[in-house]
């Protein structure tokens, strides 16, 4: 009998996935938008970006188109690409999507090892608390975002994580552009602490109510700040 070539099963070997150039470009520009390097309403110029990133126009356009599809960039005919503006309508729509994703994630976690999940979220919570005590609003905001990224990441769902990645970038845009206050930072810590405790206790109904209330509070705060910013622009 002649030897047969071994055929590895899918469980043994998986295809190697190499990130494409457009994907890397999208990730870099997304991070720059999230960090405030490209503020809301800023125009992005292909020639400048291509030079800075050392890439050609083809993959650059594809990468920017991905961000447009995500809603981070807006294409204006005969003018170009702009970072999305933080209007009250945009903030409300953004948090509608975030609430759907994170409520789903919380439901998955509370049905599993919810104590371990609560422990994992505790790290970001304590970072948030320390930043609030130090009066570091930016630190509170970054820990807040890590908290919610961890919440979704703990589900193990790559699809949920990918969708939430855009939501986290939009949240950073709001935070860096609109700012925060010390009183709001302290309240934010307490809201997250209650969420962690409900998860630790395995109380799915309370966890869901707390997440909804937390999102509603964030929308109220951000819409108010957005309206103030728009008023200042109109007065200027």
C-alpha atoms as a PDB file:
ATOM      1  CA  UNK A   1       0.000   0.000   0.000  1.00  0.00           C
ATOM      2  CA  UNK A   2       1.445   3.343  -1.008  1.00  0.00           C
ATOM      3  CA  UNK A   3       1.694   5.998   1.683  1.00  0.00           C
ATOM      4  CA  UNK A   4      -1.022   8.624   1.680  1.00  0.00           C
ATOM      5  CA  UNK A   5      -0.316  12.289   2.193  1.00  0.00           C
ATOM      6  CA  UNK A   6      -1.516  13.561   5.529  1.00  0.00           C
ATOM      7  CA  UNK A   7      -4.292  16.111   5.298  1.00  0.00           C
ATOM      8  CA  UNK A   8      -4.346  18.280   8.424  1.00  0.00           C
ATOM      9  CA  UNK A   9      -7.777  18.997   9.792  1.00  0.00           C
ATOM     10  CA  UNK A  10      -9.085  22.526  10.318  1.00  0.00           C
ATOM     11  CA  UNK A  11      -8.833  21.958  14.059  1.00  0.00           C
ATOM     12  CA  UNK A  12      -5.047  21.457  13.762  1.00  0.00           C
ATOM     13  CA  UNK A  13      -4.039  24.153  11.291  1.00  0.00           C
ATOM     14  CA  UNK A  14      -5.784  27.423  10.547  1.00  0.00           C
ATOM     15  CA  UNK A  15      -5.092  29.798   7.644  1.00  0.00           C
ATOM     16  CA  UNK A  16      -2.680  32.614   8.322  1.00  0.00           C
ATOM     17  CA  UNK A  17      -4.358  36.006   8.116  1.00  0.00           C
ATOM     18  CA  UNK A  18      -2.176  38.949   7.166  1.00  0.00           C
ATOM     19  CA  UNK A  19      -3.598  42.403   7.726  1.00  0.00           C
ATOM     20  CA  UNK A  20      -3.899  44.322   4.466  1.00  0.00           C
ATOM     21  CA  UNK A  21      -2.419  47.764   3.884  1.00  0.00           C
ATOM     22  CA  UNK A  22      -5.884  49.424   3.731  1.00  0.00           C
ATOM     23  CA  UNK A  23      -6.730  47.807   7.073  1.00  0.00           C
ATOM     24  CA  UNK A  24      -3.556  49.162   8.659  1.00  0.00           C
ATOM     25  CA  UNK A  25      -4.239  52.601   7.193  1.00  0.00           C
ATOM     26  CA  UNK A  26      -7.796  52.542   8.546  1.00  0.00           C
ATOM     27  CA  UNK A  27      -6.519  51.525  11.994  1.00  0.00           C
ATOM     28  CA  UNK A  28      -3.924  54.327  12.071  1.00  0.00           C
ATOM     29  CA  UNK A  29      -6.320  57.036  10.924  1.00  0.00           C
ATOM     30  CA  UNK A  30      -9.045  55.722  13.266  1.00  0.00           C
ATOM     31  CA  UNK A  31      -6.619  55.996  16.180  1.00  0.00           C
ATOM     32  CA  UNK A  32      -5.647  59.538  15.150  1.00  0.00           C
ATOM     33  CA  UNK A  33      -9.307  60.557  15.018  1.00  0.00           C
ATOM     34  CA  UNK A  34     -10.002  58.921  18.374  1.00  0.00           C
ATOM     35  CA  UNK A  35      -7.063  60.690  20.033  1.00  0.00           C
ATOM     36  CA  UNK A  36      -8.219  64.088  18.790  1.00  0.00           C
ATOM     37  CA  UNK A  37      -5.364  64.590  16.308  1.00  0.00           C
ATOM     38  CA  UNK A  38      -8.078  65.007  13.664  1.00  0.00           C
ATOM     39  CA  UNK A  39     -10.887  66.860  15.504  1.00  0.00           C
ATOM     40  CA  UNK A  40     -14.571  66.770  14.536  1.00  0.00           C
ATOM     41  CA  UNK A  41     -15.170  68.629  11.282  1.00  0.00           C
ATOM     42  CA  UNK A  42     -11.510  68.485  10.213  1.00  0.00           C
ATOM     43  CA  UNK A  43     -10.847  67.826   6.527  1.00  0.00           C
ATOM     44  CA  UNK A  44      -8.484  65.015   5.576  1.00  0.00           C
ATOM     45  CA  UNK A  45      -6.272  65.575   2.534  1.00  0.00           C
ATOM     46  CA  UNK A  46      -5.191  62.477   0.620  1.00  0.00           C
ATOM     47  CA  UNK A  47      -1.859  63.928  -0.535  1.00  0.00           C
ATOM     48  CA  UNK A  48      -0.807  64.829   2.998  1.00  0.00           C
ATOM     49  CA  UNK A  49      -1.896  61.483   4.447  1.00  0.00           C
ATOM     50  CA  UNK A  50      -0.225  59.488   1.682  1.00  0.00           C
ATOM     51  CA  UNK A  51       3.029  61.331   2.303  1.00  0.00           C
ATOM     52  CA  UNK A  52       2.872  60.947   6.081  1.00  0.00           C
ATOM     53  CA  UNK A  53       2.007  57.250   5.926  1.00  0.00           C
ATOM     54  CA  UNK A  54       4.323  56.460   3.014  1.00  0.00           C
ATOM     55  CA  UNK A  55       1.608  54.762   0.965  1.00  0.00           C
ATOM     56  CA  UNK A  56       0.077  55.203  -2.476  1.00  0.00           C
ATOM     57  CA  UNK A  57      -3.320  56.752  -3.131  1.00  0.00           C
ATOM     58  CA  UNK A  58      -5.057  53.423  -3.926  1.00  0.00           C
ATOM     59  CA  UNK A  59      -4.805  51.676  -0.539  1.00  0.00           C
ATOM     60  CA  UNK A  60      -5.179  55.039   1.225  1.00  0.00           C
ATOM     61  CA  UNK A  61      -8.529  55.663  -0.439  1.00  0.00           C
ATOM     62  CA  UNK A  62      -9.680  52.153   0.398  1.00  0.00           C
ATOM     63  CA  UNK A  63      -8.684  52.603   4.039  1.00  0.00           C
ATOM     64  CA  UNK A  64     -10.451  55.975   4.272  1.00  0.00           C
ATOM     65  CA  UNK A  65     -13.529  54.505   2.598  1.00  0.00           C
ATOM     66  CA  UNK A  66     -13.716  51.912   5.366  1.00  0.00           C
ATOM     67  CA  UNK A  67     -13.792  54.705   7.935  1.00  0.00           C
ATOM     68  CA  UNK A  68     -16.515  56.440   5.931  1.00  0.00           C
ATOM     69  CA  UNK A  69     -18.547  53.227   6.015  1.00  0.00           C
ATOM     70  CA  UNK A  70     -18.038  53.079   9.785  1.00  0.00           C
ATOM     71  CA  UNK A  71     -19.372  56.618  10.097  1.00  0.00           C
ATOM     72  CA  UNK A  72     -16.159  58.222  11.358  1.00  0.00           C
ATOM     73  CA  UNK A  73     -15.645  60.128   8.111  1.00  0.00           C
ATOM     74  CA  UNK A  74     -18.178  61.948   5.953  1.00  0.00           C
ATOM     75  CA  UNK A  75     -17.741  62.488   2.207  1.00  0.00           C
ATOM     76  CA  UNK A  76     -18.927  65.897   0.989  1.00  0.00           C
ATOM     77  CA  UNK A  77     -19.346  66.124  -2.762  1.00  0.00           C
ATOM     78  CA  UNK A  78     -16.802  68.374  -4.491  1.00  0.00           C
ATOM     79  CA  UNK A  79     -15.135  69.102  -1.154  1.00  0.00           C
ATOM     80  CA  UNK A  80     -13.623  65.902   0.222  1.00  0.00           C
ATOM     81  CA  UNK A  81     -13.580  63.811   3.410  1.00  0.00           C
ATOM     82  CA  UNK A  82     -14.251  65.261   6.840  1.00  0.00           C
ATOM     83  CA  UNK A  83     -14.237  63.862  10.372  1.00  0.00           C
ATOM     84  CA  UNK A  84     -17.829  63.463  11.544  1.00  0.00           C
ATOM     85  CA  UNK A  85     -19.318  66.382  13.470  1.00  0.00           C
ATOM     86  CA  UNK A  86     -20.563  65.818  17.025  1.00  0.00           C
ATOM     87  CA  UNK A  87     -24.158  66.920  16.631  1.00  0.00           C
ATOM     88  CA  UNK A  88     -26.757  65.907  19.241  1.00  0.00           C
ATOM     89  CA  UNK A  89     -28.353  63.607  16.656  1.00  0.00           C
ATOM     90  CA  UNK A  90     -25.027  61.858  16.055  1.00  0.00           C
ATOM     91  CA  UNK A  91     -24.437  61.390  19.786  1.00  0.00           C
ATOM     92  CA  UNK A  92     -27.893  59.862  20.288  1.00  0.00           C
ATOM     93  CA  UNK A  93     -27.465  57.513  17.342  1.00  0.00           C
ATOM     94  CA  UNK A  94     -23.993  56.493  18.491  1.00  0.00           C
ATOM     95  CA  UNK A  95     -25.232  55.512  21.936  1.00  0.00           C
ATOM     96  CA  UNK A  96     -28.225  53.674  20.496  1.00  0.00           C
ATOM     97  CA  UNK A  97     -25.734  51.342  18.787  1.00  0.00           C
ATOM     98  CA  UNK A  98     -23.437  51.152  21.833  1.00  0.00           C
ATOM     99  CA  UNK A  99     -26.316  50.219  24.114  1.00  0.00           C
ATOM    100  CA  UNK A 100     -27.385  47.383  21.808  1.00  0.00           C
ATOM    101  CA  UNK A 101     -23.862  45.949  21.636  1.00  0.00           C
ATOM    102  CA  UNK A 102     -23.035  46.246  25.321  1.00  0.00           C
ATOM    103  CA  UNK A 103     -26.374  44.974  26.592  1.00  0.00           C
ATOM    104  CA  UNK A 104     -25.857  41.908  24.413  1.00  0.00           C
ATOM    105  CA  UNK A 105     -22.324  41.489  25.788  1.00  0.00           C
ATOM    106  CA  UNK A 106     -23.507  41.849  29.384  1.00  0.00           C
ATOM    107  CA  UNK A 107     -26.172  39.191  28.827  1.00  0.00           C
ATOM    108  CA  UNK A 108     -23.511  36.782  27.541  1.00  0.00           C
ATOM    109  CA  UNK A 109     -21.239  37.442  30.527  1.00  0.00           C
ATOM    110  CA  UNK A 110     -23.891  37.133  33.218  1.00  0.00           C
ATOM    111  CA  UNK A 111     -24.813  33.698  31.853  1.00  0.00           C
ATOM    112  CA  UNK A 112     -21.203  32.516  32.088  1.00  0.00           C
ATOM    113  CA  UNK A 113     -18.481  32.895  34.713  1.00  0.00           C
ATOM    114  CA  UNK A 114     -19.760  36.282  35.826  1.00  0.00           C
ATOM    115  CA  UNK A 115     -17.491  36.458  38.882  1.00  0.00           C
ATOM    116  CA  UNK A 116     -14.347  36.123  36.754  1.00  0.00           C
ATOM    117  CA  UNK A 117     -15.750  38.684  34.324  1.00  0.00           C
ATOM    118  CA  UNK A 118     -16.380  41.109  37.189  1.00  0.00           C
ATOM    119  CA  UNK A 119     -12.802  40.603  38.390  1.00  0.00           C
ATOM    120  CA  UNK A 120     -11.491  41.405  34.909  1.00  0.00           C
ATOM    121  CA  UNK A 121     -13.559  44.592  34.744  1.00  0.00           C
ATOM    122  CA  UNK A 122     -12.327  45.566  38.198  1.00  0.00           C
ATOM    123  CA  UNK A 123      -8.908  46.545  36.827  1.00  0.00           C
ATOM    124  CA  UNK A 124     -10.326  49.275  34.573  1.00  0.00           C
ATOM    125  CA  UNK A 125     -12.694  50.337  37.360  1.00  0.00           C
ATOM    126  CA  UNK A 126      -9.853  50.911  39.804  1.00  0.00           C
ATOM    127  CA  UNK A 127      -7.881  52.829  37.173  1.00  0.00           C
ATOM    128  CA  UNK A 128     -10.940  55.012  36.704  1.00  0.00           C
ATOM    129  CA  UNK A 129     -11.300  55.574  40.450  1.00  0.00           C
ATOM    130  CA  UNK A 130      -7.646  56.568  40.868  1.00  0.00           C
ATOM    131  CA  UNK A 131      -7.863  58.992  37.953  1.00  0.00           C
ATOM    132  CA  UNK A 132     -11.027  60.567  39.407  1.00  0.00           C
ATOM    133  CA  UNK A 133      -9.362  61.041  42.787  1.00  0.00           C
ATOM    134  CA  UNK A 134      -6.443  62.758  41.050  1.00  0.00           C
ATOM    135  CA  UNK A 135      -8.788  65.029  39.079  1.00  0.00           C
ATOM    136  CA  UNK A 136      -7.546  63.490  35.824  1.00  0.00           C
ATOM    137  CA  UNK A 137     -10.628  63.628  33.563  1.00  0.00           C
ATOM    138  CA  UNK A 138      -8.709  62.341  30.564  1.00  0.00           C
ATOM    139  CA  UNK A 139      -7.506  59.356  32.592  1.00  0.00           C
ATOM    140  CA  UNK A 140     -11.062  58.678  33.752  1.00  0.00           C
ATOM    141  CA  UNK A 141     -12.267  58.784  30.164  1.00  0.00           C
ATOM    142  CA  UNK A 142      -9.595  56.404  28.877  1.00  0.00           C
ATOM    143  CA  UNK A 143     -10.255  53.946  31.732  1.00  0.00           C
ATOM    144  CA  UNK A 144     -13.976  54.233  30.994  1.00  0.00           C
ATOM    145  CA  UNK A 145     -13.399  53.241  27.374  1.00  0.00           C
ATOM    146  CA  UNK A 146     -11.118  50.348  28.397  1.00  0.00           C
ATOM    147  CA  UNK A 147     -13.868  49.173  30.769  1.00  0.00           C
ATOM    148  CA  UNK A 148     -16.395  48.928  27.952  1.00  0.00           C
ATOM    149  CA  UNK A 149     -13.884  47.422  25.524  1.00  0.00           C
ATOM    150  CA  UNK A 150     -13.144  44.761  28.162  1.00  0.00           C
ATOM    151  CA  UNK A 151     -16.859  44.163  28.717  1.00  0.00           C
ATOM    152  CA  UNK A 152     -17.328  43.341  25.043  1.00  0.00           C
ATOM    153  CA  UNK A 153     -13.989  41.564  24.649  1.00  0.00           C
ATOM    154  CA  UNK A 154     -14.758  39.134  27.473  1.00  0.00           C
ATOM    155  CA  UNK A 155     -17.579  37.623  25.413  1.00  0.00           C
ATOM    156  CA  UNK A 156     -14.976  36.116  23.076  1.00  0.00           C
ATOM    157  CA  UNK A 157     -17.014  37.286  20.075  1.00  0.00           C
ATOM    158  CA  UNK A 158     -14.763  38.758  17.394  1.00  0.00           C
ATOM    159  CA  UNK A 159     -17.754  40.175  15.539  1.00  0.00           C
ATOM    160  CA  UNK A 160     -19.039  42.054  18.569  1.00  0.00           C
ATOM    161  CA  UNK A 161     -15.520  43.312  19.255  1.00  0.00           C
ATOM    162  CA  UNK A 162     -15.043  44.584  15.690  1.00  0.00           C
ATOM    163  CA  UNK A 163     -18.363  46.435  15.687  1.00  0.00           C
ATOM    164  CA  UNK A 164     -17.660  47.894  19.115  1.00  0.00           C
ATOM    165  CA  UNK A 165     -14.240  49.108  17.979  1.00  0.00           C
ATOM    166  CA  UNK A 166     -15.888  51.831  15.925  1.00  0.00           C
ATOM    167  CA  UNK A 167     -18.139  52.771  18.823  1.00  0.00           C
ATOM    168  CA  UNK A 168     -15.102  53.132  21.098  1.00  0.00           C
ATOM    169  CA  UNK A 169     -13.426  55.409  18.560  1.00  0.00           C
ATOM    170  CA  UNK A 170     -16.545  57.589  18.418  1.00  0.00           C
ATOM    171  CA  UNK A 171     -16.669  57.689  22.219  1.00  0.00           C
ATOM    172  CA  UNK A 172     -13.099  58.972  22.278  1.00  0.00           C
ATOM    173  CA  UNK A 173     -14.027  61.678  19.772  1.00  0.00           C
ATOM    174  CA  UNK A 174     -16.759  62.873  22.142  1.00  0.00           C
ATOM    175  CA  UNK A 175     -14.501  62.761  25.162  1.00  0.00           C
ATOM    176  CA  UNK A 176     -11.571  64.632  23.646  1.00  0.00           C
ATOM    177  CA  UNK A 177     -13.692  67.196  21.834  1.00  0.00           C
ATOM    178  CA  UNK A 178     -16.311  67.908  24.496  1.00  0.00           C
ATOM    179  CA  UNK A 179     -14.402  67.330  27.727  1.00  0.00           C
ATOM    180  CA  UNK A 180     -15.818  66.466  31.160  1.00  0.00           C
ATOM    181  CA  UNK A 181     -16.116  67.717  34.747  1.00  0.00           C
ATOM    182  CA  UNK A 182     -14.888  66.433  38.110  1.00  0.00           C
ATOM    183  CA  UNK A 183     -18.443  65.876  39.390  1.00  0.00           C
ATOM    184  CA  UNK A 184     -19.292  63.883  36.290  1.00  0.00           C
ATOM    185  CA  UNK A 185     -16.115  61.801  36.668  1.00  0.00           C
ATOM    186  CA  UNK A 186     -17.026  60.815  40.235  1.00  0.00           C
ATOM    187  CA  UNK A 187     -20.547  59.865  39.146  1.00  0.00           C
ATOM    188  CA  UNK A 188     -19.110  57.850  36.263  1.00  0.00           C
ATOM    189  CA  UNK A 189     -16.982  55.787  38.655  1.00  0.00           C
ATOM    190  CA  UNK A 190     -19.977  54.990  40.866  1.00  0.00           C
ATOM    191  CA  UNK A 191     -22.097  53.943  37.897  1.00  0.00           C
ATOM    192  CA  UNK A 192     -19.389  51.541  36.736  1.00  0.00           C
ATOM    193  CA  UNK A 193     -18.912  50.182  40.253  1.00  0.00           C
ATOM    194  CA  UNK A 194     -22.630  49.334  40.428  1.00  0.00           C
ATOM    195  CA  UNK A 195     -22.423  47.614  37.021  1.00  0.00           C
ATOM    196  CA  UNK A 196     -19.505  45.454  38.182  1.00  0.00           C
ATOM    197  CA  UNK A 197     -21.333  44.499  41.386  1.00  0.00           C
ATOM    198  CA  UNK A 198     -24.491  43.493  39.522  1.00  0.00           C
ATOM    199  CA  UNK A 199     -22.377  41.332  37.204  1.00  0.00           C
ATOM    200  CA  UNK A 200     -20.553  39.773  40.154  1.00  0.00           C
ATOM    201  CA  UNK A 201     -23.898  38.945  41.767  1.00  0.00           C
ATOM    202  CA  UNK A 202     -25.193  37.419  38.539  1.00  0.00           C
ATOM    203  CA  UNK A 203     -28.201  39.741  38.555  1.00  0.00           C
ATOM    204  CA  UNK A 204     -28.925  40.025  34.859  1.00  0.00           C
ATOM    205  CA  UNK A 205     -32.028  42.214  35.178  1.00  0.00           C
ATOM    206  CA  UNK A 206     -30.291  44.764  37.389  1.00  0.00           C
ATOM    207  CA  UNK A 207     -27.199  44.696  35.179  1.00  0.00           C
ATOM    208  CA  UNK A 208     -29.292  45.500  32.116  1.00  0.00           C
ATOM    209  CA  UNK A 209     -31.126  48.346  33.887  1.00  0.00           C
ATOM    210  CA  UNK A 210     -27.841  49.837  35.082  1.00  0.00           C
ATOM    211  CA  UNK A 211     -26.323  49.709  31.594  1.00  0.00           C
ATOM    212  CA  UNK A 212     -29.377  51.392  30.079  1.00  0.00           C
ATOM    213  CA  UNK A 213     -29.334  54.115  32.739  1.00  0.00           C
ATOM    214  CA  UNK A 214     -25.579  54.576  32.282  1.00  0.00           C
ATOM    215  CA  UNK A 215     -25.983  55.048  28.528  1.00  0.00           C
ATOM    216  CA  UNK A 216     -28.889  57.446  29.007  1.00  0.00           C
ATOM    217  CA  UNK A 217     -26.841  59.532  31.462  1.00  0.00           C
ATOM    218  CA  UNK A 218     -23.960  59.645  28.971  1.00  0.00           C
ATOM    219  CA  UNK A 219     -26.275  60.757  26.156  1.00  0.00           C
ATOM    220  CA  UNK A 220     -27.771  63.516  28.319  1.00  0.00           C
ATOM    221  CA  UNK A 221     -24.322  64.790  29.306  1.00  0.00           C
ATOM    222  CA  UNK A 222     -22.837  64.618  25.810  1.00  0.00           C
ATOM    223  CA  UNK A 223     -25.846  66.164  24.077  1.00  0.00           C
ATOM    224  CA  UNK A 224     -25.743  69.074  26.524  1.00  0.00           C
ATOM    225  CA  UNK A 225     -22.023  69.564  25.908  1.00  0.00           C
ATOM    226  CA  UNK A 226     -22.532  69.253  22.147  1.00  0.00           C
ATOM    227  CA  UNK A 227     -25.260  71.885  22.156  1.00  0.00           C
ATOM    228  CA  UNK A 228     -23.026  74.225  24.125  1.00  0.00           C
ATOM    229  CA  UNK A 229     -20.214  73.709  21.640  1.00  0.00           C
ATOM    230  CA  UNK A 230     -22.561  74.412  18.723  1.00  0.00           C
ATOM    231  CA  UNK A 231     -23.812  77.559  20.466  1.00  0.00           C
ATOM    232  CA  UNK A 232     -20.244  78.786  20.909  1.00  0.00           C
ATOM    233  CA  UNK A 233     -19.511  78.144  17.226  1.00  0.00           C
ATOM    234  CA  UNK A 234     -22.652  80.058  16.258  1.00  0.00           C
ATOM    235  CA  UNK A 235     -21.731  82.959  18.515  1.00  0.00           C
ATOM    236  CA  UNK A 236     -18.213  83.030  17.081  1.00  0.00           C
END
